[in-house]
């Protein structure tokens, strides 16, 4: 199955196209903003490198959050438009799931700094969720991750370096690209893909 995987939920713009176990092309750029302008040219460049026409795509996968409100909306809108134009089924992957799957370890947890003393976190064992995706106060998350003896992975993992101990945190800006495509291929198709918001946006309307 030829799969295009996209992630713009965090501080990177990442794209990969795979055919089964083969990665045909990939690109990733760490960036705090500008995902909307960078995503389409990056996808076009990756498809050109893979020497594939867009009609060859058999599935489009996109991370749906939690993460940047703007980023996940940009990624989801682009992925929906691409799926509609190509006829490829669209599937969504949780950002925490993709982060947790980015390391080969028995128990892992995707962790994102949610600011305001909170983190987004979800623990897995061999790909099976042990918790739902949650937004938690730091001390509550730290106690839960320590109890589960997980490897914390993600842009918020460094917050737990002292709590979990040496070798139990892996700080990465975004999910591994191979993982994105693998999760997209395995995800059930046909369900409506929606953004995953775990709390209200920080921005407020004036007045």
N, C-alpha and C. Protein backbone atom coordinates (compact mmCIF):
# COMPACT_ATOMS: atom_id res chain seq x y z
N UNK A 1 0.84 -1.19 0.00
CA UNK A 1 0.00 0.00 0.00
C UNK A 1 0.88 1.25 0.00
N UNK A 2 0.62 2.16 -0.91
CA UNK A 2 1.36 3.42 -0.97
C UNK A 2 0.65 4.43 -0.07
N UNK A 3 1.38 4.90 0.95
CA UNK A 3 0.81 5.73 2.00
C UNK A 3 1.59 7.03 2.11
N UNK A 4 0.85 8.13 2.24
CA UNK A 4 1.46 9.42 2.54
C UNK A 4 1.09 9.78 3.96
N UNK A 5 2.12 10.00 4.82
CA UNK A 5 1.88 10.37 6.21
C UNK A 5 2.31 11.81 6.46
N UNK A 6 1.48 12.56 7.18
CA UNK A 6 1.73 13.98 7.44
C UNK A 6 1.66 14.26 8.94
N UNK A 7 2.54 15.14 9.41
CA UNK A 7 2.45 15.61 10.78
C UNK A 7 2.86 17.08 10.84
N UNK A 8 1.93 17.93 11.28
CA UNK A 8 2.24 19.34 11.51
C UNK A 8 1.65 19.80 12.84
N UNK A 9 1.45 18.86 13.77
CA UNK A 9 0.83 19.19 15.05
C UNK A 9 1.79 19.82 16.04
N UNK A 10 3.10 19.58 15.86
CA UNK A 10 4.08 20.03 16.83
C UNK A 10 5.07 20.98 16.16
N UNK A 11 6.27 21.06 16.70
CA UNK A 11 7.25 22.03 16.19
C UNK A 11 8.06 21.48 15.02
N UNK A 12 7.38 20.87 14.07
CA UNK A 12 8.02 20.38 12.85
C UNK A 12 6.96 20.21 11.78
N UNK A 13 7.41 20.24 10.54
CA UNK A 13 6.56 19.91 9.40
C UNK A 13 7.17 18.66 8.78
N UNK A 14 6.45 17.54 8.82
CA UNK A 14 7.01 16.25 8.44
C UNK A 14 6.12 15.51 7.45
N UNK A 15 6.75 14.91 6.45
CA UNK A 15 6.02 14.19 5.40
C UNK A 15 6.82 12.94 5.03
N UNK A 16 6.15 11.83 4.84
CA UNK A 16 6.80 10.61 4.36
C UNK A 16 5.86 9.86 3.44
N UNK A 17 6.41 9.23 2.41
CA UNK A 17 5.61 8.36 1.54
C UNK A 17 6.27 6.99 1.54
N UNK A 18 5.47 5.95 1.76
CA UNK A 18 5.99 4.60 1.87
C UNK A 18 5.20 3.65 0.98
N UNK A 19 5.83 2.54 0.69
CA UNK A 19 5.19 1.44 -0.03
C UNK A 19 5.50 0.18 0.75
N UNK A 20 4.55 -0.23 1.60
CA UNK A 20 4.83 -1.35 2.50
C UNK A 20 5.91 -0.95 3.49
N UNK A 21 6.96 -1.76 3.57
CA UNK A 21 8.06 -1.49 4.50
C UNK A 21 9.09 -0.53 3.92
N UNK A 22 8.94 -0.15 2.65
CA UNK A 22 9.94 0.72 2.01
C UNK A 22 9.55 2.19 2.15
N UNK A 23 10.49 2.98 2.64
CA UNK A 23 10.30 4.43 2.66
C UNK A 23 10.78 4.97 1.32
N UNK A 24 9.86 5.51 0.53
CA UNK A 24 10.21 5.99 -0.80
C UNK A 24 10.83 7.38 -0.77
N UNK A 25 10.35 8.21 0.14
CA UNK A 25 10.90 9.56 0.30
C UNK A 25 10.37 10.14 1.59
N UNK A 26 11.13 11.08 2.15
CA UNK A 26 10.72 11.71 3.41
C UNK A 26 11.33 13.09 3.50
N UNK A 27 10.72 13.93 4.31
CA UNK A 27 11.25 15.27 4.56
C UNK A 27 10.69 15.75 5.89
N UNK A 28 11.51 16.46 6.65
CA UNK A 28 11.06 17.02 7.91
C UNK A 28 11.85 18.28 8.21
N UNK A 29 11.18 19.29 8.67
CA UNK A 29 11.82 20.56 9.00
C UNK A 29 11.29 21.05 10.34
N UNK A 30 12.21 21.24 11.30
CA UNK A 30 11.81 21.77 12.60
C UNK A 30 11.44 23.23 12.43
N UNK A 31 10.25 23.60 12.93
CA UNK A 31 9.78 24.97 12.78
C UNK A 31 8.67 25.23 13.79
N UNK A 32 8.67 26.41 14.37
CA UNK A 32 7.66 26.77 15.35
C UNK A 32 6.40 27.32 14.69
N UNK A 33 6.55 27.91 13.51
CA UNK A 33 5.40 28.45 12.77
C UNK A 33 5.71 28.40 11.27
N UNK A 34 4.69 28.68 10.45
CA UNK A 34 4.88 28.65 9.00
C UNK A 34 4.54 27.32 8.37
N UNK A 35 3.88 26.42 9.13
CA UNK A 35 3.54 25.10 8.59
C UNK A 35 2.64 25.20 7.36
N UNK A 36 1.71 26.15 7.39
CA UNK A 36 0.75 26.27 6.29
C UNK A 36 1.45 26.56 4.97
N UNK A 37 2.48 27.42 5.02
CA UNK A 37 3.20 27.76 3.79
C UNK A 37 4.15 26.65 3.36
N UNK A 38 4.64 25.89 4.31
CA UNK A 38 5.67 24.89 3.99
C UNK A 38 5.11 23.54 3.58
N UNK A 39 3.91 23.18 4.06
CA UNK A 39 3.41 21.82 3.91
C UNK A 39 3.22 21.41 2.45
N UNK A 40 2.50 22.19 1.66
CA UNK A 40 2.21 21.80 0.27
C UNK A 40 3.48 21.63 -0.56
N UNK A 41 4.43 22.59 -0.54
CA UNK A 41 5.67 22.38 -1.30
C UNK A 41 6.45 21.17 -0.82
N UNK A 42 6.41 20.88 0.48
CA UNK A 42 7.13 19.71 0.99
C UNK A 42 6.50 18.42 0.48
N UNK A 43 5.18 18.35 0.48
CA UNK A 43 4.50 17.16 -0.04
C UNK A 43 4.80 16.98 -1.52
N UNK A 44 4.75 18.06 -2.27
CA UNK A 44 5.05 17.98 -3.70
C UNK A 44 6.47 17.50 -3.94
N UNK A 45 7.43 17.99 -3.16
CA UNK A 45 8.82 17.59 -3.32
C UNK A 45 9.02 16.12 -2.97
N UNK A 46 8.36 15.66 -1.91
CA UNK A 46 8.48 14.25 -1.50
C UNK A 46 7.88 13.33 -2.56
N UNK A 47 6.74 13.68 -3.10
CA UNK A 47 6.14 12.86 -4.14
C UNK A 47 7.00 12.84 -5.40
N UNK A 48 7.62 13.97 -5.73
CA UNK A 48 8.51 14.03 -6.90
C UNK A 48 9.73 13.16 -6.67
N UNK A 49 10.29 13.21 -5.45
CA UNK A 49 11.45 12.38 -5.14
C UNK A 49 11.12 10.90 -5.23
N UNK A 50 9.89 10.55 -4.80
CA UNK A 50 9.45 9.16 -4.88
C UNK A 50 9.04 8.75 -6.29
N UNK A 51 8.98 9.73 -7.20
CA UNK A 51 8.58 9.49 -8.59
C UNK A 51 7.19 8.88 -8.67
N UNK A 52 6.30 9.50 -7.92
CA UNK A 52 4.92 9.02 -7.87
C UNK A 52 3.96 10.14 -8.24
N UNK A 53 2.96 9.81 -9.03
CA UNK A 53 1.85 10.73 -9.25
C UNK A 53 0.90 10.64 -8.06
N UNK A 54 0.22 11.71 -7.74
CA UNK A 54 -0.66 11.72 -6.59
C UNK A 54 -1.79 10.69 -6.70
N UNK A 55 -2.19 10.35 -7.92
CA UNK A 55 -3.26 9.36 -8.09
C UNK A 55 -2.82 7.97 -7.66
N UNK A 56 -1.50 7.77 -7.45
CA UNK A 56 -1.01 6.47 -7.00
C UNK A 56 -1.22 6.26 -5.50
N UNK A 57 -1.51 7.33 -4.78
CA UNK A 57 -1.69 7.19 -3.33
C UNK A 57 -2.88 6.30 -3.02
N UNK A 58 -2.67 5.38 -2.07
CA UNK A 58 -3.73 4.49 -1.65
C UNK A 58 -4.27 4.82 -0.25
N UNK A 59 -3.59 5.73 0.43
CA UNK A 59 -4.04 6.16 1.74
C UNK A 59 -3.31 7.44 2.13
N UNK A 60 -4.02 8.34 2.79
CA UNK A 60 -3.42 9.55 3.34
C UNK A 60 -3.65 9.53 4.84
N UNK A 61 -2.58 9.66 5.61
CA UNK A 61 -2.69 9.67 7.07
C UNK A 61 -2.17 10.97 7.64
N UNK A 62 -2.85 11.46 8.69
CA UNK A 62 -2.47 12.75 9.29
C UNK A 62 -2.64 12.66 10.80
N UNK A 63 -1.70 13.28 11.53
CA UNK A 63 -1.87 13.36 12.98
C UNK A 63 -2.96 14.39 13.29
N UNK A 64 -3.80 14.07 14.28
CA UNK A 64 -4.98 14.89 14.55
C UNK A 64 -4.92 15.57 15.91
N UNK A 65 -3.81 15.45 16.62
CA UNK A 65 -3.66 16.10 17.91
C UNK A 65 -3.55 15.07 19.03
N UNK A 66 -3.31 15.56 20.24
CA UNK A 66 -3.24 16.97 20.62
C UNK A 66 -1.96 17.63 20.11
N UNK A 67 -1.95 18.94 20.15
CA UNK A 67 -0.79 19.70 19.69
C UNK A 67 -1.20 21.13 19.43
N UNK A 68 -0.47 21.76 18.55
CA UNK A 68 -0.79 23.14 18.18
C UNK A 68 -2.17 23.20 17.52
N UNK A 69 -3.03 24.07 18.01
CA UNK A 69 -4.37 24.20 17.42
C UNK A 69 -4.28 24.58 15.95
N UNK A 70 -3.42 25.55 15.64
CA UNK A 70 -3.27 25.97 14.25
C UNK A 70 -2.68 24.85 13.41
N UNK A 71 -1.63 24.20 13.92
CA UNK A 71 -0.96 23.15 13.16
C UNK A 71 -1.87 21.98 12.83
N UNK A 72 -2.62 21.52 13.82
CA UNK A 72 -3.45 20.34 13.53
C UNK A 72 -4.58 20.68 12.57
N UNK A 73 -5.09 21.93 12.61
CA UNK A 73 -6.13 22.32 11.65
C UNK A 73 -5.55 22.43 10.24
N UNK A 74 -4.31 22.96 10.14
CA UNK A 74 -3.65 23.05 8.83
C UNK A 74 -3.44 21.66 8.25
N UNK A 75 -2.91 20.75 9.05
CA UNK A 75 -2.65 19.40 8.57
C UNK A 75 -3.92 18.66 8.17
N UNK A 76 -4.96 18.79 8.99
CA UNK A 76 -6.19 18.07 8.70
C UNK A 76 -6.89 18.63 7.46
N UNK A 77 -6.90 19.96 7.31
CA UNK A 77 -7.53 20.56 6.14
C UNK A 77 -6.80 20.15 4.86
N UNK A 78 -5.46 20.17 4.91
CA UNK A 78 -4.69 19.77 3.74
C UNK A 78 -4.92 18.30 3.40
N UNK A 79 -4.87 17.45 4.42
CA UNK A 79 -5.04 16.01 4.19
C UNK A 79 -6.42 15.70 3.65
N UNK A 80 -7.45 16.38 4.14
CA UNK A 80 -8.81 16.15 3.64
C UNK A 80 -8.92 16.56 2.17
N UNK A 81 -8.32 17.71 1.84
CA UNK A 81 -8.36 18.15 0.44
C UNK A 81 -7.62 17.20 -0.48
N UNK A 82 -6.46 16.72 -0.03
CA UNK A 82 -5.67 15.79 -0.85
C UNK A 82 -6.41 14.47 -1.03
N UNK A 83 -7.01 13.96 0.05
CA UNK A 83 -7.76 12.71 -0.05
C UNK A 83 -8.95 12.85 -0.99
N UNK A 84 -9.63 13.99 -0.92
CA UNK A 84 -10.76 14.23 -1.81
C UNK A 84 -10.32 14.29 -3.27
N UNK A 85 -9.17 14.96 -3.52
CA UNK A 85 -8.69 15.12 -4.90
C UNK A 85 -8.18 13.81 -5.49
N UNK A 86 -7.59 12.96 -4.66
CA UNK A 86 -6.98 11.73 -5.18
C UNK A 86 -7.89 10.52 -5.04
N UNK A 87 -8.90 10.61 -4.18
CA UNK A 87 -9.75 9.44 -3.93
C UNK A 87 -9.17 8.48 -2.93
N UNK A 88 -8.01 8.82 -2.34
CA UNK A 88 -7.38 7.94 -1.35
C UNK A 88 -8.10 8.07 -0.02
N UNK A 89 -8.34 6.97 0.69
CA UNK A 89 -8.97 7.06 2.01
C UNK A 89 -8.12 7.89 2.97
N UNK A 90 -8.77 8.63 3.84
CA UNK A 90 -8.09 9.45 4.84
C UNK A 90 -8.22 8.79 6.20
N UNK A 91 -7.10 8.72 6.93
CA UNK A 91 -7.11 8.17 8.29
C UNK A 91 -6.38 9.14 9.22
N UNK A 92 -6.76 9.13 10.49
CA UNK A 92 -6.12 9.99 11.47
C UNK A 92 -5.37 9.17 12.51
N UNK A 93 -4.27 9.73 13.01
CA UNK A 93 -3.49 9.09 14.07
C UNK A 93 -3.32 10.09 15.20
N UNK A 94 -3.43 9.64 16.43
CA UNK A 94 -3.17 10.50 17.57
C UNK A 94 -1.70 10.87 17.64
N UNK A 95 -1.41 12.12 17.96
CA UNK A 95 -0.03 12.55 18.07
C UNK A 95 0.71 11.80 19.18
N UNK A 96 0.04 11.59 20.31
CA UNK A 96 0.67 10.89 21.43
C UNK A 96 0.96 9.44 21.06
N UNK A 97 0.06 8.83 20.32
CA UNK A 97 0.29 7.46 19.85
C UNK A 97 1.51 7.39 18.94
N UNK A 98 1.60 8.35 18.02
CA UNK A 98 2.73 8.35 17.09
C UNK A 98 4.05 8.60 17.81
N UNK A 99 4.04 9.48 18.80
CA UNK A 99 5.25 9.72 19.58
C UNK A 99 5.65 8.47 20.35
N UNK A 100 4.68 7.84 21.02
CA UNK A 100 4.97 6.65 21.82
C UNK A 100 5.50 5.50 20.98
N UNK A 101 5.06 5.43 19.72
CA UNK A 101 5.50 4.36 18.83
C UNK A 101 6.85 4.65 18.19
N UNK A 102 7.43 5.81 18.49
CA UNK A 102 8.69 6.21 17.85
C UNK A 102 9.93 5.61 18.49
N UNK A 103 9.74 4.73 19.46
CA UNK A 103 10.86 4.01 20.07
C UNK A 103 10.45 2.56 20.29
N UNK A 104 11.41 1.66 20.16
CA UNK A 104 11.16 0.23 20.33
C UNK A 104 11.37 -0.13 21.79
N UNK A 105 10.33 0.02 22.57
CA UNK A 105 10.41 -0.24 24.00
C UNK A 105 9.09 -0.84 24.44
N UNK A 106 9.11 -1.64 25.50
CA UNK A 106 7.89 -2.32 25.93
C UNK A 106 6.79 -1.36 26.31
N UNK A 107 7.10 -0.45 27.24
CA UNK A 107 6.12 0.54 27.68
C UNK A 107 6.64 1.93 27.35
N UNK A 108 5.85 2.68 26.61
CA UNK A 108 6.23 4.03 26.21
C UNK A 108 5.06 4.97 26.44
N UNK A 109 5.37 6.26 26.54
CA UNK A 109 4.32 7.26 26.69
C UNK A 109 4.66 8.46 25.84
N UNK A 110 3.71 8.89 25.02
CA UNK A 110 3.86 10.15 24.31
C UNK A 110 3.60 11.30 25.26
N UNK A 111 4.50 12.29 25.27
CA UNK A 111 4.39 13.40 26.22
C UNK A 111 4.65 14.72 25.49
N UNK A 112 3.73 15.68 25.66
CA UNK A 112 3.85 17.00 25.05
C UNK A 112 3.63 18.04 26.14
N UNK A 113 4.49 19.04 26.18
CA UNK A 113 4.32 20.15 27.12
C UNK A 113 3.11 20.97 26.70
N UNK A 114 2.08 21.01 27.55
CA UNK A 114 0.86 21.76 27.25
C UNK A 114 0.88 23.15 27.87
N UNK A 115 2.00 23.50 28.51
CA UNK A 115 2.16 24.81 29.18
C UNK A 115 1.21 24.90 30.38
N UNK A 116 1.29 26.01 31.10
CA UNK A 116 0.45 26.27 32.27
C UNK A 116 0.53 25.16 33.31
N UNK A 117 1.71 24.50 33.40
CA UNK A 117 1.89 23.45 34.39
C UNK A 117 1.22 22.14 34.04
N UNK A 118 0.84 21.98 32.76
CA UNK A 118 0.15 20.77 32.32
C UNK A 118 0.92 20.08 31.20
N UNK A 119 0.62 18.80 31.01
CA UNK A 119 1.19 18.05 29.88
C UNK A 119 0.08 17.22 29.24
N UNK A 120 0.22 16.99 27.93
CA UNK A 120 -0.58 15.98 27.25
C UNK A 120 0.19 14.67 27.36
N UNK A 121 -0.48 13.59 27.73
CA UNK A 121 0.23 12.32 27.92
C UNK A 121 -0.70 11.14 27.63
N UNK A 122 -0.09 10.07 27.11
CA UNK A 122 -0.80 8.80 26.92
C UNK A 122 0.23 7.68 26.91
N UNK A 123 -0.04 6.64 27.70
CA UNK A 123 0.89 5.52 27.83
C UNK A 123 0.41 4.32 27.02
N UNK A 124 1.39 3.55 26.51
CA UNK A 124 1.11 2.37 25.69
C UNK A 124 2.02 1.21 26.11
N UNK A 125 1.57 0.01 25.85
CA UNK A 125 2.41 -1.18 26.00
C UNK A 125 2.27 -2.00 24.74
N UNK A 126 3.37 -2.13 24.00
CA UNK A 126 3.37 -2.86 22.73
C UNK A 126 2.27 -2.35 21.81
N UNK A 127 2.08 -1.03 21.77
CA UNK A 127 1.09 -0.43 20.89
C UNK A 127 -0.31 -0.38 21.44
N UNK A 128 -0.55 -1.02 22.58
CA UNK A 128 -1.90 -1.03 23.19
C UNK A 128 -2.01 0.10 24.20
N UNK A 129 -3.02 0.96 24.10
CA UNK A 129 -3.12 2.07 25.04
C UNK A 129 -3.41 1.61 26.46
N UNK A 130 -2.66 2.15 27.41
CA UNK A 130 -2.90 1.89 28.83
C UNK A 130 -3.77 2.99 29.45
N UNK A 131 -3.82 4.13 28.80
CA UNK A 131 -4.61 5.28 29.24
C UNK A 131 -5.23 5.94 28.01
N UNK A 132 -6.29 6.69 28.20
CA UNK A 132 -6.76 7.56 27.10
C UNK A 132 -5.82 8.75 26.97
N UNK A 133 -5.83 9.46 25.85
CA UNK A 133 -5.07 10.70 25.77
C UNK A 133 -5.64 11.70 26.77
N UNK A 134 -4.76 12.33 27.56
CA UNK A 134 -5.21 13.20 28.64
C UNK A 134 -4.37 14.46 28.73
N UNK A 135 -4.96 15.52 29.29
CA UNK A 135 -4.19 16.68 29.71
C UNK A 135 -4.19 16.64 31.23
N UNK A 136 -2.97 16.64 31.82
CA UNK A 136 -2.82 16.41 33.25
C UNK A 136 -1.90 17.45 33.87
N UNK A 137 -2.12 17.80 35.14
CA UNK A 137 -1.12 18.58 35.85
C UNK A 137 0.21 17.81 35.88
N UNK A 138 1.31 18.54 35.88
CA UNK A 138 2.61 17.89 35.79
C UNK A 138 2.82 16.84 36.88
N UNK A 139 2.48 17.15 38.13
CA UNK A 139 2.75 16.21 39.21
C UNK A 139 1.92 14.94 39.09
N UNK A 140 0.69 15.07 38.59
CA UNK A 140 -0.16 13.89 38.38
C UNK A 140 0.41 13.02 37.26
N UNK A 141 0.82 13.67 36.16
CA UNK A 141 1.42 12.92 35.05
C UNK A 141 2.71 12.24 35.48
N UNK A 142 3.54 12.94 36.25
CA UNK A 142 4.82 12.37 36.70
C UNK A 142 4.59 11.13 37.54
N UNK A 143 3.61 11.18 38.44
CA UNK A 143 3.32 10.02 39.29
C UNK A 143 2.83 8.85 38.45
N UNK A 144 1.98 9.12 37.46
CA UNK A 144 1.45 8.05 36.62
C UNK A 144 2.54 7.42 35.77
N UNK A 145 3.39 8.23 35.16
CA UNK A 145 4.46 7.69 34.32
C UNK A 145 5.47 6.90 35.15
N UNK A 146 5.75 7.38 36.36
CA UNK A 146 6.66 6.64 37.24
C UNK A 146 6.05 5.30 37.65
N UNK A 147 4.75 5.31 37.95
CA UNK A 147 4.06 4.08 38.33
C UNK A 147 4.11 3.04 37.22
N UNK A 148 3.95 3.49 35.96
CA UNK A 148 3.95 2.57 34.83
C UNK A 148 5.34 2.20 34.36
N UNK A 149 6.37 2.89 34.84
CA UNK A 149 7.76 2.64 34.45
C UNK A 149 7.93 2.70 32.94
N UNK A 150 7.46 3.79 32.35
CA UNK A 150 7.49 3.94 30.90
C UNK A 150 8.74 4.69 30.45
N UNK A 151 8.99 4.61 29.15
CA UNK A 151 9.93 5.50 28.48
C UNK A 151 9.10 6.66 27.94
N UNK A 152 9.33 7.88 28.44
CA UNK A 152 8.58 9.05 28.00
C UNK A 152 9.22 9.61 26.74
N UNK A 153 8.40 9.83 25.71
CA UNK A 153 8.91 10.26 24.41
C UNK A 153 8.13 11.48 23.94
N UNK A 154 8.84 12.47 23.42
CA UNK A 154 8.17 13.62 22.83
C UNK A 154 8.81 14.93 23.23
N UNK A 155 8.23 16.03 22.76
CA UNK A 155 8.81 17.34 23.07
C UNK A 155 8.65 17.74 24.54
N UNK A 156 7.85 16.99 25.30
CA UNK A 156 7.73 17.26 26.73
C UNK A 156 8.47 16.27 27.61
N UNK A 157 9.20 15.34 26.99
CA UNK A 157 9.85 14.28 27.76
C UNK A 157 10.90 14.82 28.72
N UNK A 158 11.61 15.87 28.31
CA UNK A 158 12.67 16.41 29.15
C UNK A 158 12.17 16.90 30.50
N UNK A 159 10.89 17.24 30.61
CA UNK A 159 10.32 17.68 31.87
C UNK A 159 10.38 16.59 32.93
N UNK A 160 10.46 15.32 32.48
CA UNK A 160 10.40 14.19 33.40
C UNK A 160 11.75 13.51 33.61
N UNK A 161 12.83 14.15 33.15
CA UNK A 161 14.15 13.53 33.25
C UNK A 161 14.50 13.20 34.70
N UNK A 162 14.24 14.11 35.62
CA UNK A 162 14.57 13.87 37.03
C UNK A 162 13.60 12.87 37.66
N UNK A 163 12.34 12.96 37.29
CA UNK A 163 11.32 12.08 37.88
C UNK A 163 11.51 10.63 37.49
N UNK A 164 11.77 10.38 36.20
CA UNK A 164 11.83 9.00 35.70
C UNK A 164 13.23 8.41 35.75
N UNK A 165 14.24 9.26 35.79
CA UNK A 165 15.60 8.74 35.91
C UNK A 165 16.31 8.61 34.57
N UNK A 166 17.60 8.26 34.66
CA UNK A 166 18.48 8.17 33.50
C UNK A 166 17.96 7.14 32.50
N UNK A 167 17.91 7.54 31.22
CA UNK A 167 17.54 6.61 30.16
C UNK A 167 16.06 6.37 30.00
N UNK A 168 15.21 7.07 30.77
CA UNK A 168 13.77 6.85 30.67
C UNK A 168 13.04 7.99 29.99
N UNK A 169 13.78 8.89 29.36
CA UNK A 169 13.16 9.97 28.59
C UNK A 169 13.86 10.09 27.24
N UNK A 170 13.10 10.41 26.22
CA UNK A 170 13.63 10.62 24.87
C UNK A 170 12.94 11.86 24.30
N UNK A 171 13.66 12.96 24.24
CA UNK A 171 13.07 14.22 23.78
C UNK A 171 13.22 14.34 22.27
N UNK A 172 12.09 14.33 21.56
CA UNK A 172 12.08 14.49 20.11
C UNK A 172 11.04 15.54 19.76
N UNK A 173 11.27 16.26 18.65
CA UNK A 173 10.39 17.36 18.28
C UNK A 173 9.07 16.89 17.68
N UNK A 174 9.10 15.71 17.03
CA UNK A 174 7.92 15.23 16.30
C UNK A 174 8.02 13.71 16.15
N UNK A 175 6.94 13.03 15.81
CA UNK A 175 6.98 11.58 15.63
C UNK A 175 7.93 11.15 14.51
N UNK A 176 8.46 9.96 14.64
CA UNK A 176 9.30 9.37 13.60
C UNK A 176 8.49 9.21 12.31
N UNK A 177 9.10 9.56 11.19
CA UNK A 177 8.37 9.54 9.91
C UNK A 177 7.96 8.14 9.49
N UNK A 178 8.80 7.16 9.70
CA UNK A 178 8.44 5.78 9.36
C UNK A 178 7.21 5.34 10.16
N UNK A 179 7.17 5.77 11.41
CA UNK A 179 6.05 5.41 12.29
C UNK A 179 4.74 6.01 11.77
N UNK A 180 4.80 7.26 11.31
CA UNK A 180 3.59 7.89 10.78
C UNK A 180 2.95 7.05 9.68
N UNK A 181 3.77 6.65 8.71
CA UNK A 181 3.25 5.88 7.59
C UNK A 181 2.77 4.50 8.04
N UNK A 182 3.50 3.89 8.97
CA UNK A 182 3.11 2.56 9.45
C UNK A 182 1.77 2.61 10.18
N UNK A 183 1.59 3.63 11.02
CA UNK A 183 0.32 3.78 11.72
C UNK A 183 -0.82 4.10 10.76
N UNK A 184 -0.53 4.91 9.75
CA UNK A 184 -1.55 5.25 8.76
C UNK A 184 -2.01 4.01 8.00
N UNK A 185 -1.08 3.14 7.68
CA UNK A 185 -1.43 1.91 6.95
C UNK A 185 -2.29 0.99 7.82
N UNK A 186 -2.00 0.96 9.13
CA UNK A 186 -2.72 0.05 10.02
C UNK A 186 -4.04 0.62 10.52
N UNK A 187 -4.23 1.93 10.41
CA UNK A 187 -5.43 2.56 10.97
C UNK A 187 -6.68 2.14 10.20
N UNK A 188 -7.81 1.96 10.89
CA UNK A 188 -9.06 1.60 10.20
C UNK A 188 -9.55 2.75 9.34
N UNK A 189 -9.86 2.48 8.10
CA UNK A 189 -10.37 3.50 7.19
C UNK A 189 -11.89 3.56 7.29
N UNK A 190 -12.44 4.69 6.90
CA UNK A 190 -13.89 4.83 6.85
C UNK A 190 -14.47 5.68 7.95
N UNK A 191 -13.77 5.81 9.09
CA UNK A 191 -14.27 6.66 10.17
C UNK A 191 -14.01 8.13 9.83
N UNK A 192 -14.87 9.00 10.31
CA UNK A 192 -14.66 10.43 10.11
C UNK A 192 -13.44 10.88 10.91
N UNK A 193 -12.57 11.61 10.26
CA UNK A 193 -11.34 12.06 10.91
C UNK A 193 -11.58 13.44 11.51
N UNK A 194 -11.44 13.54 12.84
CA UNK A 194 -11.70 14.79 13.55
C UNK A 194 -10.47 15.22 14.34
N UNK A 195 -10.31 16.51 14.58
CA UNK A 195 -9.20 16.95 15.43
C UNK A 195 -9.43 16.53 16.88
N UNK A 196 -8.34 16.20 17.57
CA UNK A 196 -8.41 15.80 18.97
C UNK A 196 -7.95 16.98 19.83
N UNK A 197 -8.91 17.68 20.43
CA UNK A 197 -8.61 18.78 21.34
C UNK A 197 -8.81 18.28 22.77
N UNK A 198 -7.80 18.43 23.60
CA UNK A 198 -7.93 18.00 24.99
C UNK A 198 -8.21 19.16 25.94
N UNK A 199 -8.09 20.39 25.44
CA UNK A 199 -8.50 21.55 26.24
C UNK A 199 -8.80 22.70 25.29
N UNK A 200 -9.43 23.72 25.81
CA UNK A 200 -9.79 24.87 25.00
C UNK A 200 -8.54 25.64 24.60
N UNK A 201 -8.59 26.37 23.48
CA UNK A 201 -7.42 27.13 23.06
C UNK A 201 -7.07 28.23 24.05
N UNK A 202 -5.76 28.58 24.11
CA UNK A 202 -5.32 29.64 25.00
C UNK A 202 -5.79 31.01 24.53
N UNK A 203 -5.89 31.18 23.21
CA UNK A 203 -6.28 32.48 22.65
C UNK A 203 -7.76 32.76 22.96
N UNK A 204 -8.04 33.97 23.35
CA UNK A 204 -9.42 34.37 23.65
C UNK A 204 -9.82 35.57 22.80
N UNK A 205 -11.12 35.61 22.46
CA UNK A 205 -11.63 36.77 21.73
C UNK A 205 -11.62 38.00 22.62
N UNK A 206 -11.25 39.16 22.09
CA UNK A 206 -11.25 40.36 22.92
C UNK A 206 -12.65 40.69 23.44
N UNK A 207 -12.68 41.21 24.68
CA UNK A 207 -13.95 41.62 25.26
C UNK A 207 -14.70 40.48 25.91
